[in-house]
Each structure stands twice: as C-alpha cells, then as structure tokens.
Amino acid sequence: MSNNPFLIHGHRGCRGLMPENSIPGFLHAIELGCRSIEMDVVISKDKQVIVSHEPYMSKFICLDANKRPIPEEQDKSLNLYEMDYESIKMYDCGSVFHSDFSGQQKMQVHKPSLADLIDAVNNFIKYRDIDNILYNIEIKSKPELEGLYQPPTNEFVDLVLDAIEEKKIGNTCIIQSFDESVLKRIRSKNHEIPLASLFKTKCNVQEVIQSLGFTPNYFSPNYTLIDKNFVEECKSVNAKVLSWTVNDEKDIEVMLDLEVDGIITDYPNRAFQLLDEAKMKIG
C-alpha cells in the first residue's frame, strides 16, 4: 500500500452510524477522525442553502411536522424549495428506521442550513485542538428540476458561493457535482475552489476535460469504475481520484491498493481501522 496521504470523507456525515446530513452526524464523523465531511445541498424558499440529499422530505428518513410517518401519496410533495428554513426545521429527519443502515443511531434532528452546520463545526473543533475541516459540498442540481425543486442553475451556484464566502470556507472546501453546468459556472466565477466531477458511469478523462474546458481537481467516480489505468490517467493530468461510496472493508482495501487519493464512506470508522492496521498516513 502507498504511504501517500489518504483522505477519508465522511459521507453525509457518517450515514452508517448517525442520521444523514445532520449536525450530530457530521460532528461524530469529525470525532472519529474525519478531516473532510461530505454533504449535499439544496435551496429553500427563502434562499437558504440547506444540507439535504433530496430537495424534499423523504419518507424514508423523515417524519412530518407532526412527527408522524409521511404517507406514500405525499412523498416528494414536501418540497424544500417551497418551504422556508423555519418550516424545514419542524421536520424530524433522524428518527425513522433505515433498513440499509440498521446500526444507525436514531435521534430527533432536522435538516440544517449550511451556515448553521459550519457554525456548529467551528464551535466543535475550537475546543478540541482540531485544524480546519474540509467541506466537500455536492450541489444537487438537475436542469429538469429548475423552477420545480430548485432555482435556475446559475442562481443555485451563486447562492452556494455566497454562503461559502460569508462563512469564509473558500480555502477549506471542495465543490462536487454530476452537472457540468454547475462546475463551469463555479469556475467562471471562482478559480480557487477545487472542483470534483462526479460520475455514475465510466468516463473518458480527456473527453471530460474537453467538455468542461478545464481539468477538474478531482475525478470522483463510483468505486466500481476505478482501475489502475484510470488512476494513472488522472494523475497524468494532475487530477486526484476520489471514490464513492466505499463501505465494505474489502472494497476499501482495493481503493488503498489502487492508490486513490481518498474515499467517501458511510463508515469512516471502518476506513480508519484499516488505515491504522496499514500504518498509513492520514491526510
């Protein structure tokens, strides 16, 4: 295994252990040793940047405002883009049992704003002698959802950049997206923030660079798409490789052997245990 620094990104905090995209989940990931936390963001009615994977209250992780299960017919109708932040905070998104993560601790939590999350992290690390945390922020934008579940892409991006500037985390964040228009918009407005291009299917490195008009700082595919040739090709253009979502110990070991630069995982505790065993340097 390589001796190069290797960064573990806590996926939605540490989804395998705590409610996803929740302040307690992110703080627990940091407590476990993560120096990078990965999150998704959407936009509320009052233009707040909200930490959430879906642009609605999912019946699979949330209760309604009266702490009752969300009916099937209301799924996807509780639209965050039509709710202000104060209304969003009324929904418990940490008490529903998640069949995919049976060991996840249950608690009453709400979807936080990015600003509130950053404040909580700053307070947490201040008294624990922890250096700055890297925020890996995924902009969950889809052109077909504009005007329905999100603002136009450019406005979406600008709101996120404004929140980043307001909280002064421009030097300690990455922005990732599947949507090339998001990455292009960011690069046109900011040349400093590292960008990660996400992929669900196999990609051609040179074609991505040509399509974007620049080389992203990270290529971030699903871990099943990564082989040694891909890693070498990314490194040849001075791009890093960040794989997602790597939860099984054997798959984590494969990523280490391939010498990717980092992984996104629901179980950072497993990854740290493997790193300790391998006596690798944690980035």
C-alpha atoms as a PDB file:
ATOM      1  CA  MET A   1       0.000   0.000   0.000  1.00  0.00           C
ATOM      2  CA  SER A   2       1.077   3.572  -0.663  1.00  0.00           C
ATOM      3  CA  ASN A   3       2.488   5.841   2.022  1.00  0.00           C
ATOM      4  CA  ASN A   4       0.859   8.885   0.420  1.00  0.00           C
ATOM      5  CA  PRO A   5      -1.673  10.899   2.436  1.00  0.00           C
ATOM      6  CA  PHE A   6      -5.145   9.431   2.111  1.00  0.00           C
ATOM      7  CA  LEU A   7      -8.252  11.422   2.973  1.00  0.00           C
ATOM      8  CA  ILE A   8     -11.427   9.875   4.346  1.00  0.00           C
ATOM      9  CA  HIS A   9     -14.577  11.865   3.578  1.00  0.00           C
ATOM     10  CA  GLY A  10     -17.482  11.117   5.902  1.00  0.00           C
ATOM     11  CA  HIS A  11     -20.439  10.531   3.549  1.00  0.00           C
ATOM     12  CA  ARG A  12     -23.368  12.716   4.583  1.00  0.00           C
ATOM     13  CA  GLY A  13     -21.530  12.833   7.910  1.00  0.00           C
ATOM     14  CA  CYS A  14     -21.353   9.153   8.786  1.00  0.00           C
ATOM     15  CA  ARG A  15     -24.618   7.758   7.439  1.00  0.00           C
ATOM     16  CA  GLY A  16     -23.931   4.213   8.562  1.00  0.00           C
ATOM     17  CA  LEU A  17     -23.728   5.339  12.180  1.00  0.00           C
ATOM     18  CA  MET A  18     -25.811   8.516  12.562  1.00  0.00           C
ATOM     19  CA  PRO A  19     -28.686  10.248  10.726  1.00  0.00           C
ATOM     20  CA  GLU A  20     -27.501  11.502   7.349  1.00  0.00           C
ATOM     21  CA  ASN A  21     -26.730  15.158   6.689  1.00  0.00           C
ATOM     22  CA  SER A  22     -27.330  16.011  10.346  1.00  0.00           C
ATOM     23  CA  ILE A  23     -25.186  18.157  12.606  1.00  0.00           C
ATOM     24  CA  PRO A  24     -24.679  15.312  15.139  1.00  0.00           C
ATOM     25  CA  GLY A  25     -23.659  13.012  12.285  1.00  0.00           C
ATOM     26  CA  PHE A  26     -21.052  15.434  10.956  1.00  0.00           C
ATOM     27  CA  LEU A  27     -19.648  16.090  14.415  1.00  0.00           C
ATOM     28  CA  HIS A  28     -19.406  12.367  15.098  1.00  0.00           C
ATOM     29  CA  ALA A  29     -17.517  11.877  11.829  1.00  0.00           C
ATOM     30  CA  ILE A  30     -15.022  14.507  12.953  1.00  0.00           C
ATOM     31  CA  GLU A  31     -14.805  12.824  16.349  1.00  0.00           C
ATOM     32  CA  LEU A  32     -13.950   9.554  14.598  1.00  0.00           C
ATOM     33  CA  GLY A  33     -11.059  11.269  12.828  1.00  0.00           C
ATOM     34  CA  CYS A  34     -12.530  12.617   9.578  1.00  0.00           C
ATOM     35  CA  ARG A  35     -10.953  15.849   8.459  1.00  0.00           C
ATOM     36  CA  SER A  36     -13.288  16.016   5.485  1.00  0.00           C
ATOM     37  CA  ILE A  37     -17.066  15.812   5.633  1.00  0.00           C
ATOM     38  CA  GLU A  38     -19.170  15.252   2.515  1.00  0.00           C
ATOM     39  CA  MET A  39     -22.633  16.736   2.199  1.00  0.00           C
ATOM     40  CA  ASP A  40     -25.368  17.560  -0.299  1.00  0.00           C
ATOM     41  CA  VAL A  41     -27.020  20.952  -0.610  1.00  0.00           C
ATOM     42  CA  VAL A  42     -30.319  22.220  -1.987  1.00  0.00           C
ATOM     43  CA  ILE A  43     -32.125  25.574  -1.806  1.00  0.00           C
ATOM     44  CA  SER A  44     -35.107  26.580   0.339  1.00  0.00           C
ATOM     45  CA  LYS A  45     -37.914  29.020  -0.447  1.00  0.00           C
ATOM     46  CA  ASP A  46     -36.127  31.782   1.479  1.00  0.00           C
ATOM     47  CA  LYS A  47     -32.902  31.147  -0.480  1.00  0.00           C
ATOM     48  CA  GLN A  48     -31.101  29.358   2.332  1.00  0.00           C
ATOM     49  CA  VAL A  49     -28.551  26.694   1.393  1.00  0.00           C
ATOM     50  CA  ILE A  50     -29.922  23.552   3.052  1.00  0.00           C
ATOM     51  CA  VAL A  51     -27.919  20.399   3.738  1.00  0.00           C
ATOM     52  CA  SER A  52     -30.059  17.643   2.218  1.00  0.00           C
ATOM     53  CA  HIS A  53     -29.666  14.877  -0.354  1.00  0.00           C
ATOM     54  CA  GLU A  54     -33.189  15.292  -1.725  1.00  0.00           C
ATOM     55  CA  PRO A  55     -34.937  18.596  -2.476  1.00  0.00           C
ATOM     56  CA  TYR A  56     -37.918  17.271  -0.497  1.00  0.00           C
ATOM     57  CA  MET A  57     -38.718  15.499   2.768  1.00  0.00           C
ATOM     58  CA  SER A  58     -38.108  11.846   2.004  1.00  0.00           C
ATOM     59  CA  LYS A  59     -40.487   9.380   3.646  1.00  0.00           C
ATOM     60  CA  PHE A  60     -37.513   7.050   4.075  1.00  0.00           C
ATOM     61  CA  ILE A  61     -35.707   9.309   6.543  1.00  0.00           C
ATOM     62  CA  CYS A  62     -38.176  11.971   7.729  1.00  0.00           C
ATOM     63  CA  LEU A  63     -41.339  12.314   9.783  1.00  0.00           C
ATOM     64  CA  ASP A  64     -43.833  15.060   9.018  1.00  0.00           C
ATOM     65  CA  ALA A  65     -44.170  18.268  11.017  1.00  0.00           C
ATOM     66  CA  ASN A  66     -46.418  16.417  13.497  1.00  0.00           C
ATOM     67  CA  LYS A  67     -43.810  13.653  13.969  1.00  0.00           C
ATOM     68  CA  ARG A  68     -45.870  11.134  12.002  1.00  0.00           C
ATOM     69  CA  PRO A  69     -44.782   8.963   9.046  1.00  0.00           C
ATOM     70  CA  ILE A  70     -45.025  10.698   5.687  1.00  0.00           C
ATOM     71  CA  PRO A  71     -47.771   8.992   3.613  1.00  0.00           C
ATOM     72  CA  GLU A  72     -46.901   7.440   0.269  1.00  0.00           C
ATOM     73  CA  GLU A  73     -49.017   9.987  -1.593  1.00  0.00           C
ATOM     74  CA  GLN A  74     -47.096  12.874  -0.007  1.00  0.00           C
ATOM     75  CA  ASP A  75     -43.665  11.523  -0.888  1.00  0.00           C
ATOM     76  CA  LYS A  76     -41.749  14.159  -2.871  1.00  0.00           C
ATOM     77  CA  SER A  77     -44.542  16.689  -2.342  1.00  0.00           C
ATOM     78  CA  LEU A  78     -42.962  18.242   0.748  1.00  0.00           C
ATOM     79  CA  ASN A  79     -40.775  20.392  -1.464  1.00  0.00           C
ATOM     80  CA  LEU A  80     -37.912  22.193   0.305  1.00  0.00           C
ATOM     81  CA  TYR A  81     -37.856  24.807  -2.454  1.00  0.00           C
ATOM     82  CA  GLU A  82     -41.401  25.741  -1.370  1.00  0.00           C
ATOM     83  CA  MET A  83     -40.566  25.797   2.356  1.00  0.00           C
ATOM     84  CA  ASP A  84     -38.627  28.354   4.363  1.00  0.00           C
ATOM     85  CA  TYR A  85     -35.890  27.248   6.744  1.00  0.00           C
ATOM     86  CA  GLU A  86     -38.019  27.712   9.857  1.00  0.00           C
ATOM     87  CA  SER A  87     -40.600  25.308   8.407  1.00  0.00           C
ATOM     88  CA  ILE A  88     -37.909  22.817   7.384  1.00  0.00           C
ATOM     89  CA  LYS A  89     -36.640  22.710  10.968  1.00  0.00           C
ATOM     90  CA  MET A  90     -40.020  21.377  12.128  1.00  0.00           C
ATOM     91  CA  TYR A  91     -39.423  18.016  10.406  1.00  0.00           C
ATOM     92  CA  ASP A  92     -37.632  15.210  12.240  1.00  0.00           C
ATOM     93  CA  CYS A  93     -35.197  13.539   9.847  1.00  0.00           C
ATOM     94  CA  GLY A  94     -33.386  11.282  12.269  1.00  0.00           C
ATOM     95  CA  SER A  95     -35.924   9.004  13.939  1.00  0.00           C
ATOM     96  CA  VAL A  96     -37.059   6.792  11.046  1.00  0.00           C
ATOM     97  CA  PHE A  97     -35.516   3.303  10.928  1.00  0.00           C
ATOM     98  CA  HIS A  98     -33.325   2.904   7.831  1.00  0.00           C
ATOM     99  CA  SER A  99     -33.278  -0.695   6.593  1.00  0.00           C
ATOM    100  CA  ASP A 100     -29.987  -0.156   4.739  1.00  0.00           C
ATOM    101  CA  PHE A 101     -28.300   1.138   7.890  1.00  0.00           C
ATOM    102  CA  SER A 102     -29.721  -0.896  10.745  1.00  0.00           C
ATOM    103  CA  GLY A 103     -26.962   0.223  13.115  1.00  0.00           C
ATOM    104  CA  GLN A 104     -27.703   3.894  12.592  1.00  0.00           C
ATOM    105  CA  GLN A 105     -28.373   5.689  15.874  1.00  0.00           C
ATOM    106  CA  LYS A 106     -31.806   7.306  15.921  1.00  0.00           C
ATOM    107  CA  MET A 107     -32.450  10.801  17.256  1.00  0.00           C
ATOM    108  CA  GLN A 108     -34.602  13.843  16.573  1.00  0.00           C
ATOM    109  CA  VAL A 109     -32.691  16.074  14.176  1.00  0.00           C
ATOM    110  CA  HIS A 110     -33.611  18.464  11.388  1.00  0.00           C
ATOM    111  CA  LYS A 111     -32.002  19.325   8.079  1.00  0.00           C
ATOM    112  CA  PRO A 112     -29.561  22.157   8.872  1.00  0.00           C
ATOM    113  CA  SER A 113     -28.592  25.126   6.802  1.00  0.00           C
ATOM    114  CA  LEU A 114     -25.017  25.107   5.550  1.00  0.00           C
ATOM    115  CA  ALA A 115     -24.379  28.204   7.669  1.00  0.00           C
ATOM    116  CA  ASP A 116     -25.635  26.522  10.848  1.00  0.00           C
ATOM    117  CA  LEU A 117     -23.574  23.420  10.111  1.00  0.00           C
ATOM    118  CA  ILE A 118     -20.389  25.448   9.647  1.00  0.00           C
ATOM    119  CA  ASP A 119     -21.037  27.313  12.911  1.00  0.00           C
ATOM    120  CA  ALA A 120     -21.541  24.012  14.739  1.00  0.00           C
ATOM    121  CA  VAL A 121     -18.356  22.531  13.276  1.00  0.00           C
ATOM    122  CA  ASN A 122     -16.343  25.633  14.155  1.00  0.00           C
ATOM    123  CA  ASN A 123     -17.554  25.508  17.752  1.00  0.00           C
ATOM    124  CA  PHE A 124     -16.846  21.775  17.934  1.00  0.00           C
ATOM    125  CA  ILE A 125     -13.272  21.893  16.652  1.00  0.00           C
ATOM    126  CA  LYS A 126     -12.355  25.066  18.543  1.00  0.00           C
ATOM    127  CA  TYR A 127     -12.179  23.281  21.884  1.00  0.00           C
ATOM    128  CA  ARG A 128     -10.715  20.038  20.578  1.00  0.00           C
ATOM    129  CA  ASP A 129      -7.488  21.349  19.076  1.00  0.00           C
ATOM    130  CA  ILE A 130      -8.578  20.240  15.587  1.00  0.00           C
ATOM    131  CA  ASP A 131      -7.406  22.087  12.499  1.00  0.00           C
ATOM    132  CA  ASN A 132      -9.793  23.302   9.820  1.00  0.00           C
ATOM    133  CA  ILE A 133     -12.243  20.790   8.388  1.00  0.00           C
ATOM    134  CA  LEU A 134     -12.532  20.293   4.633  1.00  0.00           C
ATOM    135  CA  TYR A 135     -16.126  20.673   3.439  1.00  0.00           C
ATOM    136  CA  ASN A 136     -16.908  18.523   0.400  1.00  0.00           C
ATOM    137  CA  ILE A 137     -20.116  20.108  -0.879  1.00  0.00           C
ATOM    138  CA  GLU A 138     -22.176  18.447  -3.577  1.00  0.00           C
ATOM    139  CA  ILE A 139     -24.521  20.766  -5.440  1.00  0.00           C
ATOM    140  CA  LYS A 140     -27.582  18.621  -6.181  1.00  0.00           C
ATOM    141  CA  SER A 141     -28.647  20.391  -9.350  1.00  0.00           C
ATOM    142  CA  LYS A 142     -30.588  18.922 -12.256  1.00  0.00           C
ATOM    143  CA  PRO A 143     -31.695  21.092 -15.186  1.00  0.00           C
ATOM    144  CA  GLU A 144     -35.064  19.343 -15.378  1.00  0.00           C
ATOM    145  CA  LEU A 145     -35.834  20.377 -11.776  1.00  0.00           C
ATOM    146  CA  GLU A 146     -35.345  24.113 -12.347  1.00  0.00           C
ATOM    147  CA  GLY A 147     -38.374  26.067 -11.201  1.00  0.00           C
ATOM    148  CA  LEU A 148     -39.838  22.975  -9.532  1.00  0.00           C
ATOM    149  CA  TYR A 149     -37.397  21.826  -6.862  1.00  0.00           C
ATOM    150  CA  GLN A 150     -34.588  24.331  -7.342  1.00  0.00           C
ATOM    151  CA  PRO A 151     -33.772  27.758  -8.760  1.00  0.00           C
ATOM    152  CA  PRO A 152     -32.031  28.083 -12.138  1.00  0.00           C
ATOM    153  CA  THR A 153     -28.580  26.504 -12.056  1.00  0.00           C
ATOM    154  CA  ASN A 154     -26.643  29.780 -12.107  1.00  0.00           C
ATOM    155  CA  GLU A 155     -28.668  31.168  -9.198  1.00  0.00           C
ATOM    156  CA  PHE A 156     -28.247  27.874  -7.305  1.00  0.00           C
ATOM    157  CA  VAL A 157     -24.475  28.021  -7.731  1.00  0.00           C
ATOM    158  CA  ASP A 158     -24.300  31.705  -6.803  1.00  0.00           C
ATOM    159  CA  LEU A 159     -26.247  31.125  -3.581  1.00  0.00           C
ATOM    160  CA  VAL A 160     -23.825  28.378  -2.575  1.00  0.00           C
ATOM    161  CA  LEU A 161     -20.802  30.528  -3.419  1.00  0.00           C
ATOM    162  CA  ASP A 162     -22.282  33.393  -1.392  1.00  0.00           C
ATOM    163  CA  ALA A 163     -22.763  31.091   1.612  1.00  0.00           C
ATOM    164  CA  ILE A 164     -19.186  29.847   1.289  1.00  0.00           C
ATOM    165  CA  GLU A 165     -17.866  33.403   1.109  1.00  0.00           C
ATOM    166  CA  GLU A 166     -19.997  34.546   4.045  1.00  0.00           C
ATOM    167  CA  LYS A 167     -18.642  31.753   6.253  1.00  0.00           C
ATOM    168  CA  LYS A 168     -15.094  32.145   4.919  1.00  0.00           C
ATOM    169  CA  ILE A 169     -14.551  28.492   3.976  1.00  0.00           C
ATOM    170  CA  GLY A 170     -13.378  29.128   0.416  1.00  0.00           C
ATOM    171  CA  ASN A 171      -9.931  27.803   1.303  1.00  0.00           C
ATOM    172  CA  THR A 172     -11.284  24.720   3.060  1.00  0.00           C
ATOM    173  CA  CYS A 173     -13.894  23.344   0.700  1.00  0.00           C
ATOM    174  CA  ILE A 174     -14.384  21.281  -2.437  1.00  0.00           C
ATOM    175  CA  ILE A 175     -17.462  21.568  -4.621  1.00  0.00           C
ATOM    176  CA  GLN A 176     -18.592  18.463  -6.476  1.00  0.00           C
ATOM    177  CA  SER A 177     -21.399  17.836  -8.931  1.00  0.00           C
ATOM    178  CA  PHE A 178     -22.643  15.478 -11.619  1.00  0.00           C
ATOM    179  CA  ASP A 179     -23.883  18.529 -13.534  1.00  0.00           C
ATOM    180  CA  GLU A 180     -21.179  20.013 -15.774  1.00  0.00           C
ATOM    181  CA  SER A 181     -23.022  23.333 -15.953  1.00  0.00           C
ATOM    182  CA  VAL A 182     -22.531  23.681 -12.191  1.00  0.00           C
ATOM    183  CA  LEU A 183     -18.781  23.151 -12.453  1.00  0.00           C
ATOM    184  CA  LYS A 184     -18.497  25.532 -15.408  1.00  0.00           C
ATOM    185  CA  ARG A 185     -20.426  28.246 -13.569  1.00  0.00           C
ATOM    186  CA  ILE A 186     -18.222  27.948 -10.493  1.00  0.00           C
ATOM    187  CA  ARG A 187     -15.022  28.075 -12.498  1.00  0.00           C
ATOM    188  CA  SER A 188     -16.216  31.169 -14.357  1.00  0.00           C
ATOM    189  CA  LYS A 189     -16.719  32.953 -11.033  1.00  0.00           C
ATOM    190  CA  ASN A 190     -14.033  31.416  -8.833  1.00  0.00           C
ATOM    191  CA  HIS A 191     -10.690  29.942  -9.876  1.00  0.00           C
ATOM    192  CA  GLU A 192      -9.580  28.924  -6.381  1.00  0.00           C
ATOM    193  CA  ILE A 193     -12.160  26.452  -5.074  1.00  0.00           C
ATOM    194  CA  PRO A 194     -11.209  22.871  -6.037  1.00  0.00           C
ATOM    195  CA  LEU A 195     -13.836  21.128  -8.169  1.00  0.00           C
ATOM    196  CA  ALA A 196     -14.750  17.455  -8.358  1.00  0.00           C
ATOM    197  CA  SER A 197     -16.502  15.932 -11.356  1.00  0.00           C
ATOM    198  CA  LEU A 198     -18.823  13.114 -10.255  1.00  0.00           C
ATOM    199  CA  PHE A 199     -19.621  10.045 -12.358  1.00  0.00           C
ATOM    200  CA  LYS A 200     -22.048   7.142 -12.142  1.00  0.00           C
ATOM    201  CA  THR A 201     -20.807   5.556 -15.374  1.00  0.00           C
ATOM    202  CA  LYS A 202     -17.360   5.041 -16.840  1.00  0.00           C
ATOM    203  CA  CYS A 203     -15.818   8.240 -18.149  1.00  0.00           C
ATOM    204  CA  ASN A 204     -13.031   9.199 -20.519  1.00  0.00           C
ATOM    205  CA  VAL A 205     -10.669  11.602 -18.767  1.00  0.00           C
ATOM    206  CA  GLN A 206      -9.715  13.564 -21.880  1.00  0.00           C
ATOM    207  CA  GLU A 207     -13.321  13.856 -23.043  1.00  0.00           C
ATOM    208  CA  VAL A 208     -14.346  15.246 -19.655  1.00  0.00           C
ATOM    209  CA  ILE A 209     -11.575  17.834 -19.780  1.00  0.00           C
ATOM    210  CA  GLN A 210     -12.579  18.823 -23.312  1.00  0.00           C
ATOM    211  CA  SER A 211     -16.256  19.090 -22.391  1.00  0.00           C
ATOM    212  CA  LEU A 212     -15.600  21.180 -19.269  1.00  0.00           C
ATOM    213  CA  GLY A 213     -12.948  23.356 -20.853  1.00  0.00           C
ATOM    214  CA  PHE A 214     -10.637  22.788 -17.891  1.00  0.00           C
ATOM    215  CA  THR A 215      -9.223  19.933 -15.823  1.00  0.00           C
ATOM    216  CA  PRO A 216     -11.200  19.311 -12.629  1.00  0.00           C
ATOM    217  CA  ASN A 217      -9.130  18.972  -9.481  1.00  0.00           C
ATOM    218  CA  TYR A 218     -10.802  15.640  -8.762  1.00  0.00           C
ATOM    219  CA  PHE A 219     -12.350  12.866 -10.788  1.00  0.00           C
ATOM    220  CA  SER A 220     -14.885  11.260  -8.479  1.00  0.00           C
ATOM    221  CA  PRO A 221     -16.485   8.088  -9.883  1.00  0.00           C
ATOM    222  CA  ASN A 222     -18.299   5.258  -8.181  1.00  0.00           C
ATOM    223  CA  TYR A 223     -15.619   2.983  -6.766  1.00  0.00           C
ATOM    224  CA  THR A 224     -16.644   0.083  -9.039  1.00  0.00           C
ATOM    225  CA  LEU A 225     -15.495   2.092 -12.084  1.00  0.00           C
ATOM    226  CA  ILE A 226     -11.933   2.597 -10.883  1.00  0.00           C
ATOM    227  CA  ASP A 227      -8.946   0.567 -12.026  1.00  0.00           C
ATOM    228  CA  LYS A 228      -5.212   1.195 -12.128  1.00  0.00           C
ATOM    229  CA  ASN A 229      -5.304   2.630 -15.655  1.00  0.00           C
ATOM    230  CA  PHE A 230      -7.923   5.183 -14.643  1.00  0.00           C
ATOM    231  CA  VAL A 231      -5.900   6.269 -11.611  1.00  0.00           C
ATOM    232  CA  GLU A 232      -2.761   6.636 -13.716  1.00  0.00           C
ATOM    233  CA  GLU A 233      -4.599   8.630 -16.387  1.00  0.00           C
ATOM    234  CA  CYS A 234      -5.992  11.037 -13.778  1.00  0.00           C
ATOM    235  CA  LYS A 235      -2.593  11.511 -12.199  1.00  0.00           C
ATOM    236  CA  SER A 236      -1.075  12.181 -15.631  1.00  0.00           C
ATOM    237  CA  VAL A 237      -3.244  15.317 -15.876  1.00  0.00           C
ATOM    238  CA  ASN A 238      -2.528  16.280 -12.235  1.00  0.00           C
ATOM    239  CA  ALA A 239      -6.019  15.383 -11.083  1.00  0.00           C
ATOM    240  CA  LYS A 240      -6.812  13.447  -7.924  1.00  0.00           C
ATOM    241  CA  VAL A 241      -9.107  10.438  -7.641  1.00  0.00           C
ATOM    242  CA  LEU A 242     -11.850  10.411  -5.025  1.00  0.00           C
ATOM    243  CA  SER A 243     -14.071   7.313  -4.974  1.00  0.00           C
ATOM    244  CA  TRP A 244     -17.598   6.898  -3.635  1.00  0.00           C
ATOM    245  CA  THR A 245     -19.361   5.317  -1.725  1.00  0.00           C
ATOM    246  CA  VAL A 246     -16.941   2.748  -0.305  1.00  0.00           C
ATOM    247  CA  ASN A 247     -18.352   0.898   2.702  1.00  0.00           C
ATOM    248  CA  ASP A 248     -17.125  -2.697   2.618  1.00  0.00           C
ATOM    249  CA  GLU A 249     -13.713  -3.367   4.167  1.00  0.00           C
ATOM    250  CA  LYS A 250     -12.535  -5.348   1.142  1.00  0.00           C
ATOM    251  CA  ASP A 251     -13.525  -2.539  -1.214  1.00  0.00           C
ATOM    252  CA  ILE A 252     -11.722  -0.011   0.971  1.00  0.00           C
ATOM    253  CA  GLU A 253      -8.602  -2.173   0.766  1.00  0.00           C
ATOM    254  CA  VAL A 254      -8.900  -2.289  -3.033  1.00  0.00           C
ATOM    255  CA  MET A 255      -9.060   1.510  -3.151  1.00  0.00           C
ATOM    256  CA  LEU A 256      -5.981   1.731  -0.943  1.00  0.00           C
ATOM    257  CA  ASP A 257      -4.110  -0.688  -3.193  1.00  0.00           C
ATOM    258  CA  LEU A 258      -5.092   1.345  -6.272  1.00  0.00           C
ATOM    259  CA  GLU A 259      -3.662   4.413  -4.530  1.00  0.00           C
ATOM    260  CA  VAL A 260      -6.664   6.654  -4.956  1.00  0.00           C
ATOM    261  CA  ASP A 261      -6.372   9.941  -3.086  1.00  0.00           C
ATOM    262  CA  GLY A 262      -9.390   9.404  -0.893  1.00  0.00           C
ATOM    263  CA  ILE A 263     -12.718   7.708  -0.388  1.00  0.00           C
ATOM    264  CA  ILE A 264     -16.205   8.812   0.547  1.00  0.00           C
ATOM    265  CA  THR A 265     -17.709   6.362   3.023  1.00  0.00           C
ATOM    266  CA  ASP A 266     -20.738   5.890   5.267  1.00  0.00           C
ATOM    267  CA  TYR A 267     -18.472   4.075   7.742  1.00  0.00           C
ATOM    268  CA  PRO A 268     -15.360   6.168   8.419  1.00  0.00           C
ATOM    269  CA  ASN A 269     -14.698   4.010  11.483  1.00  0.00           C
ATOM    270  CA  ARG A 270     -14.021   1.014   9.227  1.00  0.00           C
ATOM    271  CA  ALA A 271     -11.697   3.001   6.989  1.00  0.00           C
ATOM    272  CA  PHE A 272      -9.712   4.388   9.908  1.00  0.00           C
ATOM    273  CA  GLN A 273      -9.317   0.914  11.367  1.00  0.00           C
ATOM    274  CA  LEU A 274      -7.867  -0.338   8.082  1.00  0.00           C
ATOM    275  CA  LEU A 275      -5.575   2.663   7.860  1.00  0.00           C
ATOM    276  CA  ASP A 276      -4.347   2.093  11.382  1.00  0.00           C
ATOM    277  CA  GLU A 277      -3.634  -1.513  10.559  1.00  0.00           C
ATOM    278  CA  ALA A 278      -1.746  -0.493   7.424  1.00  0.00           C
ATOM    279  CA  LYS A 279       0.058   2.268   9.352  1.00  0.00           C
ATOM    280  CA  MET A 280      -0.747   4.729   6.609  1.00  0.00           C
ATOM    281  CA  LYS A 281      -0.524   8.464   6.982  1.00  0.00           C
ATOM    282  CA  ILE A 282      -3.956  10.057   7.144  1.00  0.00           C
ATOM    283  CA  GLY A 283      -4.254  13.222   5.108  1.00  0.00           C
END
